[in-house]
């Protein structure tokens, strides 16, 4: 069970999110979405814990920001969503998508590479790399996490494919249809 948390402080880290929300249940995962609107997702072991956390934390304060929480529930899938996409953070400002593709192809077949940019096309210094299989993505994450791409120490983590996250929320931050020129 997952909740969406909006209006997070700009400096908040995933560890802080985990710690904060663990007051109301066992947190299984926490993921931040860094956009012009600070929000993230927190997963709980049970539906009851997620609902309780939503009710308890909605319109409360996380440090200096009043957050809002929305219960997303459990999404049922015919096939379990794979985690064949990784998020790569702290990229060099000048790196291009083909450089990402080339760099990460050392650990598997790269299906796509996408850099996140501001409206005026400046690098936001993170992006996503898709692999053919979940296994390749896991190997790439383990191999490249805390390694260097040129002079920047990057961090890598597996993420859900876009179908695994509520599309109405994620579409506000990551336009997967037109990857190259919206952000």
C-alpha atoms as a PDB file:
ATOM      1  CA  UNK A   1       0.000   0.000   0.000  1.00  0.00           C
ATOM      2  CA  UNK A   2       1.310   3.381  -0.990  1.00  0.00           C
ATOM      3  CA  UNK A   3       0.653   7.014  -0.154  1.00  0.00           C
ATOM      4  CA  UNK A   4       1.604  10.160  -2.035  1.00  0.00           C
ATOM      5  CA  UNK A   5       3.114  12.943   0.072  1.00  0.00           C
ATOM      6  CA  UNK A   6       3.061  16.472  -1.372  1.00  0.00           C
ATOM      7  CA  UNK A   7       4.740  19.766  -0.416  1.00  0.00           C
ATOM      8  CA  UNK A   8       7.893  18.197   1.031  1.00  0.00           C
ATOM      9  CA  UNK A   9      10.839  20.359   2.127  1.00  0.00           C
ATOM     10  CA  UNK A  10      13.378  20.776  -0.695  1.00  0.00           C
ATOM     11  CA  UNK A  11      16.205  19.358   1.388  1.00  0.00           C
ATOM     12  CA  UNK A  12      14.384  16.262   2.694  1.00  0.00           C
ATOM     13  CA  UNK A  13      16.058  12.905   2.001  1.00  0.00           C
ATOM     14  CA  UNK A  14      14.436   9.505   1.511  1.00  0.00           C
ATOM     15  CA  UNK A  15      15.869   8.331   4.853  1.00  0.00           C
ATOM     16  CA  UNK A  16      14.125  11.211   6.636  1.00  0.00           C
ATOM     17  CA  UNK A  17      10.863  10.347   4.878  1.00  0.00           C
ATOM     18  CA  UNK A  18      11.191   6.712   6.019  1.00  0.00           C
ATOM     19  CA  UNK A  19      11.963   7.730   9.592  1.00  0.00           C
ATOM     20  CA  UNK A  20       9.102  10.241   9.773  1.00  0.00           C
ATOM     21  CA  UNK A  21       6.424   7.903   8.402  1.00  0.00           C
ATOM     22  CA  UNK A  22       7.611   4.843  10.343  1.00  0.00           C
ATOM     23  CA  UNK A  23       5.804   6.323  13.369  1.00  0.00           C
ATOM     24  CA  UNK A  24       2.585   4.843  11.931  1.00  0.00           C
ATOM     25  CA  UNK A  25       3.738   1.522  10.494  1.00  0.00           C
ATOM     26  CA  UNK A  26       6.408  -0.474   8.743  1.00  0.00           C
ATOM     27  CA  UNK A  27       7.690   1.549   5.793  1.00  0.00           C
ATOM     28  CA  UNK A  28       8.673  -0.717   2.907  1.00  0.00           C
ATOM     29  CA  UNK A  29      10.030   1.998   0.614  1.00  0.00           C
ATOM     30  CA  UNK A  30      10.269   5.743   0.137  1.00  0.00           C
ATOM     31  CA  UNK A  31      10.843   7.536  -3.160  1.00  0.00           C
ATOM     32  CA  UNK A  32      11.247  11.267  -3.772  1.00  0.00           C
ATOM     33  CA  UNK A  33      10.236  12.953  -7.001  1.00  0.00           C
ATOM     34  CA  UNK A  34      12.294  16.113  -7.399  1.00  0.00           C
ATOM     35  CA  UNK A  35      10.357  18.537  -9.569  1.00  0.00           C
ATOM     36  CA  UNK A  36       9.212  22.107  -9.134  1.00  0.00           C
ATOM     37  CA  UNK A  37       6.589  20.500  -6.866  1.00  0.00           C
ATOM     38  CA  UNK A  38       8.289  18.529  -4.100  1.00  0.00           C
ATOM     39  CA  UNK A  39       6.500  15.220  -3.581  1.00  0.00           C
ATOM     40  CA  UNK A  40       7.176  11.560  -3.024  1.00  0.00           C
ATOM     41  CA  UNK A  41       5.735   8.141  -2.354  1.00  0.00           C
ATOM     42  CA  UNK A  42       5.864   6.067   0.816  1.00  0.00           C
ATOM     43  CA  UNK A  43       5.015   2.370   0.835  1.00  0.00           C
ATOM     44  CA  UNK A  44       3.640   0.549   3.883  1.00  0.00           C
ATOM     45  CA  UNK A  45       3.449  -3.139   4.717  1.00  0.00           C
ATOM     46  CA  UNK A  46      -0.356  -3.112   5.036  1.00  0.00           C
ATOM     47  CA  UNK A  47      -3.314  -1.118   3.741  1.00  0.00           C
ATOM     48  CA  UNK A  48      -4.333  -0.335   7.311  1.00  0.00           C
ATOM     49  CA  UNK A  49      -0.935   1.244   8.087  1.00  0.00           C
ATOM     50  CA  UNK A  50      -1.071   3.336   4.902  1.00  0.00           C
ATOM     51  CA  UNK A  51      -4.590   4.571   5.638  1.00  0.00           C
ATOM     52  CA  UNK A  52      -3.666   5.340   9.247  1.00  0.00           C
ATOM     53  CA  UNK A  53      -0.554   7.257   8.153  1.00  0.00           C
ATOM     54  CA  UNK A  54      -2.593   9.226   5.610  1.00  0.00           C
ATOM     55  CA  UNK A  55      -5.143  10.260   8.219  1.00  0.00           C
ATOM     56  CA  UNK A  56      -2.517  11.033  10.853  1.00  0.00           C
ATOM     57  CA  UNK A  57      -0.004  12.958   8.737  1.00  0.00           C
ATOM     58  CA  UNK A  58      -2.301  14.773   6.276  1.00  0.00           C
ATOM     59  CA  UNK A  59      -1.953  18.550   6.795  1.00  0.00           C
ATOM     60  CA  UNK A  60       0.730  18.034   9.454  1.00  0.00           C
ATOM     61  CA  UNK A  61       4.243  19.475   9.391  1.00  0.00           C
ATOM     62  CA  UNK A  62       7.383  17.712   8.236  1.00  0.00           C
ATOM     63  CA  UNK A  63      10.062  20.025   9.542  1.00  0.00           C
ATOM     64  CA  UNK A  64       8.980  23.456   8.214  1.00  0.00           C
ATOM     65  CA  UNK A  65       6.501  22.403   5.515  1.00  0.00           C
ATOM     66  CA  UNK A  66       2.826  21.557   5.852  1.00  0.00           C
ATOM     67  CA  UNK A  67       2.458  18.304   3.925  1.00  0.00           C
ATOM     68  CA  UNK A  68      -0.583  16.684   2.383  1.00  0.00           C
ATOM     69  CA  UNK A  69      -0.990  12.934   2.140  1.00  0.00           C
ATOM     70  CA  UNK A  70      -3.141  10.958  -0.257  1.00  0.00           C
ATOM     71  CA  UNK A  71      -3.796   7.243   0.056  1.00  0.00           C
ATOM     72  CA  UNK A  72      -3.193   5.494  -3.274  1.00  0.00           C
ATOM     73  CA  UNK A  73      -4.207   2.012  -2.176  1.00  0.00           C
ATOM     74  CA  UNK A  74      -3.008  -1.226  -3.654  1.00  0.00           C
ATOM     75  CA  UNK A  75      -2.926  -1.498  -7.386  1.00  0.00           C
ATOM     76  CA  UNK A  76      -3.693  -4.935  -8.792  1.00  0.00           C
ATOM     77  CA  UNK A  77      -1.735  -6.064 -11.838  1.00  0.00           C
ATOM     78  CA  UNK A  78      -2.218  -9.024 -14.144  1.00  0.00           C
ATOM     79  CA  UNK A  79       1.548  -9.251 -14.298  1.00  0.00           C
ATOM     80  CA  UNK A  80       3.802  -8.032 -11.523  1.00  0.00           C
ATOM     81  CA  UNK A  81       5.379  -4.728 -12.653  1.00  0.00           C
ATOM     82  CA  UNK A  82       9.056  -5.182 -13.279  1.00  0.00           C
ATOM     83  CA  UNK A  83      11.682  -2.807 -12.048  1.00  0.00           C
ATOM     84  CA  UNK A  84      13.744  -2.622 -15.208  1.00  0.00           C
ATOM     85  CA  UNK A  85      14.307   1.125 -14.988  1.00  0.00           C
ATOM     86  CA  UNK A  86      16.905   2.801 -12.812  1.00  0.00           C
ATOM     87  CA  UNK A  87      17.125   6.369 -11.588  1.00  0.00           C
ATOM     88  CA  UNK A  88      20.589   7.899 -11.848  1.00  0.00           C
ATOM     89  CA  UNK A  89      21.314  10.944  -9.684  1.00  0.00           C
ATOM     90  CA  UNK A  90      24.159  13.491  -9.550  1.00  0.00           C
ATOM     91  CA  UNK A  91      24.943  13.367 -13.256  1.00  0.00           C
ATOM     92  CA  UNK A  92      27.367  15.867 -14.785  1.00  0.00           C
ATOM     93  CA  UNK A  93      25.501  18.933 -16.120  1.00  0.00           C
ATOM     94  CA  UNK A  94      26.856  18.398 -19.629  1.00  0.00           C
ATOM     95  CA  UNK A  95      26.074  14.673 -20.002  1.00  0.00           C
ATOM     96  CA  UNK A  96      23.880  13.718 -22.982  1.00  0.00           C
ATOM     97  CA  UNK A  97      21.402  10.837 -23.327  1.00  0.00           C
ATOM     98  CA  UNK A  98      23.627   8.931 -25.760  1.00  0.00           C
ATOM     99  CA  UNK A  99      26.495   9.125 -23.235  1.00  0.00           C
ATOM    100  CA  UNK A 100      24.188   7.664 -20.576  1.00  0.00           C
ATOM    101  CA  UNK A 101      23.122   4.921 -22.975  1.00  0.00           C
ATOM    102  CA  UNK A 102      26.743   4.090 -23.833  1.00  0.00           C
ATOM    103  CA  UNK A 103      27.931   4.165 -20.212  1.00  0.00           C
ATOM    104  CA  UNK A 104      25.180   1.910 -18.842  1.00  0.00           C
ATOM    105  CA  UNK A 105      25.249  -0.561 -21.743  1.00  0.00           C
ATOM    106  CA  UNK A 106      28.265  -2.146 -20.029  1.00  0.00           C
ATOM    107  CA  UNK A 107      25.785  -4.042 -17.827  1.00  0.00           C
ATOM    108  CA  UNK A 108      22.954  -4.888 -20.189  1.00  0.00           C
ATOM    109  CA  UNK A 109      20.811  -3.888 -23.121  1.00  0.00           C
ATOM    110  CA  UNK A 110      19.684  -0.290 -22.613  1.00  0.00           C
ATOM    111  CA  UNK A 111      16.187   0.249 -24.004  1.00  0.00           C
ATOM    112  CA  UNK A 112      15.995   3.983 -23.326  1.00  0.00           C
ATOM    113  CA  UNK A 113      17.770   6.829 -21.549  1.00  0.00           C
ATOM    114  CA  UNK A 114      16.119  10.035 -20.449  1.00  0.00           C
ATOM    115  CA  UNK A 115      17.620  13.111 -18.795  1.00  0.00           C
ATOM    116  CA  UNK A 116      15.447  15.404 -16.736  1.00  0.00           C
ATOM    117  CA  UNK A 117      15.678  19.075 -17.681  1.00  0.00           C
ATOM    118  CA  UNK A 118      14.151  22.336 -16.531  1.00  0.00           C
ATOM    119  CA  UNK A 119      11.793  24.284 -18.787  1.00  0.00           C
ATOM    120  CA  UNK A 120      14.750  26.253 -20.103  1.00  0.00           C
ATOM    121  CA  UNK A 121      16.560  22.992 -20.971  1.00  0.00           C
ATOM    122  CA  UNK A 122      19.151  23.086 -18.149  1.00  0.00           C
ATOM    123  CA  UNK A 123      20.137  19.730 -16.705  1.00  0.00           C
ATOM    124  CA  UNK A 124      18.495  18.730 -13.446  1.00  0.00           C
ATOM    125  CA  UNK A 125      21.410  16.303 -13.057  1.00  0.00           C
ATOM    126  CA  UNK A 126      19.356  13.131 -12.888  1.00  0.00           C
ATOM    127  CA  UNK A 127      17.746  10.791 -15.335  1.00  0.00           C
ATOM    128  CA  UNK A 128      16.352   7.345 -16.002  1.00  0.00           C
ATOM    129  CA  UNK A 129      17.875   4.391 -17.828  1.00  0.00           C
ATOM    130  CA  UNK A 130      15.703   1.487 -18.953  1.00  0.00           C
ATOM    131  CA  UNK A 131      17.014  -2.054 -19.372  1.00  0.00           C
ATOM    132  CA  UNK A 132      15.600  -5.050 -21.194  1.00  0.00           C
ATOM    133  CA  UNK A 133      15.180  -7.071 -17.973  1.00  0.00           C
ATOM    134  CA  UNK A 134      14.806  -6.547 -14.249  1.00  0.00           C
ATOM    135  CA  UNK A 135      17.966  -8.620 -13.738  1.00  0.00           C
ATOM    136  CA  UNK A 136      20.043  -6.293 -15.958  1.00  0.00           C
ATOM    137  CA  UNK A 137      18.685  -3.245 -14.087  1.00  0.00           C
ATOM    138  CA  UNK A 138      19.571  -4.819 -10.753  1.00  0.00           C
ATOM    139  CA  UNK A 139      23.090  -5.664 -11.941  1.00  0.00           C
ATOM    140  CA  UNK A 140      23.577  -2.130 -13.276  1.00  0.00           C
ATOM    141  CA  UNK A 141      22.337  -0.628 -10.011  1.00  0.00           C
ATOM    142  CA  UNK A 142      24.727  -2.745  -7.956  1.00  0.00           C
ATOM    143  CA  UNK A 143      27.652  -2.105 -10.297  1.00  0.00           C
ATOM    144  CA  UNK A 144      27.251   1.643 -10.922  1.00  0.00           C
ATOM    145  CA  UNK A 145      25.841   2.888  -7.589  1.00  0.00           C
ATOM    146  CA  UNK A 146      28.384   5.247  -5.976  1.00  0.00           C
ATOM    147  CA  UNK A 147      30.678   4.971  -8.980  1.00  0.00           C
ATOM    148  CA  UNK A 148      31.913   7.849 -11.130  1.00  0.00           C
ATOM    149  CA  UNK A 149      30.633   9.099 -14.461  1.00  0.00           C
ATOM    150  CA  UNK A 150      33.448  11.365 -15.535  1.00  0.00           C
ATOM    151  CA  UNK A 151      34.061  13.537 -12.442  1.00  0.00           C
ATOM    152  CA  UNK A 152      30.697  13.077 -10.698  1.00  0.00           C
ATOM    153  CA  UNK A 153      29.953  10.360  -8.168  1.00  0.00           C
ATOM    154  CA  UNK A 154      26.563   9.017  -9.215  1.00  0.00           C
ATOM    155  CA  UNK A 155      23.941   7.127  -7.250  1.00  0.00           C
ATOM    156  CA  UNK A 156      21.646   4.566  -8.834  1.00  0.00           C
ATOM    157  CA  UNK A 157      18.432   2.977  -7.635  1.00  0.00           C
ATOM    158  CA  UNK A 158      15.827   0.799  -9.272  1.00  0.00           C
ATOM    159  CA  UNK A 159      12.432   2.356  -9.886  1.00  0.00           C
ATOM    160  CA  UNK A 160       9.057   1.058 -10.958  1.00  0.00           C
ATOM    161  CA  UNK A 161       8.062   1.279 -14.566  1.00  0.00           C
ATOM    162  CA  UNK A 162       5.681   4.124 -15.187  1.00  0.00           C
ATOM    163  CA  UNK A 163       2.668   1.764 -15.123  1.00  0.00           C
ATOM    164  CA  UNK A 164       3.492   0.815 -11.535  1.00  0.00           C
ATOM    165  CA  UNK A 165       2.866   4.303 -10.168  1.00  0.00           C
ATOM    166  CA  UNK A 166      -0.462   6.053 -10.354  1.00  0.00           C
ATOM    167  CA  UNK A 167      -0.325   7.691 -13.769  1.00  0.00           C
ATOM    168  CA  UNK A 168      -2.302  10.769 -12.762  1.00  0.00           C
ATOM    169  CA  UNK A 169       0.356  11.702 -10.202  1.00  0.00           C
ATOM    170  CA  UNK A 170       3.486  10.756 -12.079  1.00  0.00           C
ATOM    171  CA  UNK A 171       2.345  12.444 -15.290  1.00  0.00           C
ATOM    172  CA  UNK A 172       2.555  15.787 -13.477  1.00  0.00           C
ATOM    173  CA  UNK A 173       6.303  15.354 -13.081  1.00  0.00           C
ATOM    174  CA  UNK A 174       7.709  13.045 -15.754  1.00  0.00           C
ATOM    175  CA  UNK A 175       6.272  13.231 -19.261  1.00  0.00           C
ATOM    176  CA  UNK A 176       7.175   9.762 -20.590  1.00  0.00           C
ATOM    177  CA  UNK A 177       5.278  10.293 -23.876  1.00  0.00           C
ATOM    178  CA  UNK A 178       7.436  13.164 -25.036  1.00  0.00           C
ATOM    179  CA  UNK A 179      10.671  12.455 -23.207  1.00  0.00           C
ATOM    180  CA  UNK A 180      12.999  14.943 -24.788  1.00  0.00           C
ATOM    181  CA  UNK A 181      11.426  18.364 -24.603  1.00  0.00           C
ATOM    182  CA  UNK A 182       8.865  18.939 -21.864  1.00  0.00           C
ATOM    183  CA  UNK A 183      11.061  19.333 -18.803  1.00  0.00           C
END
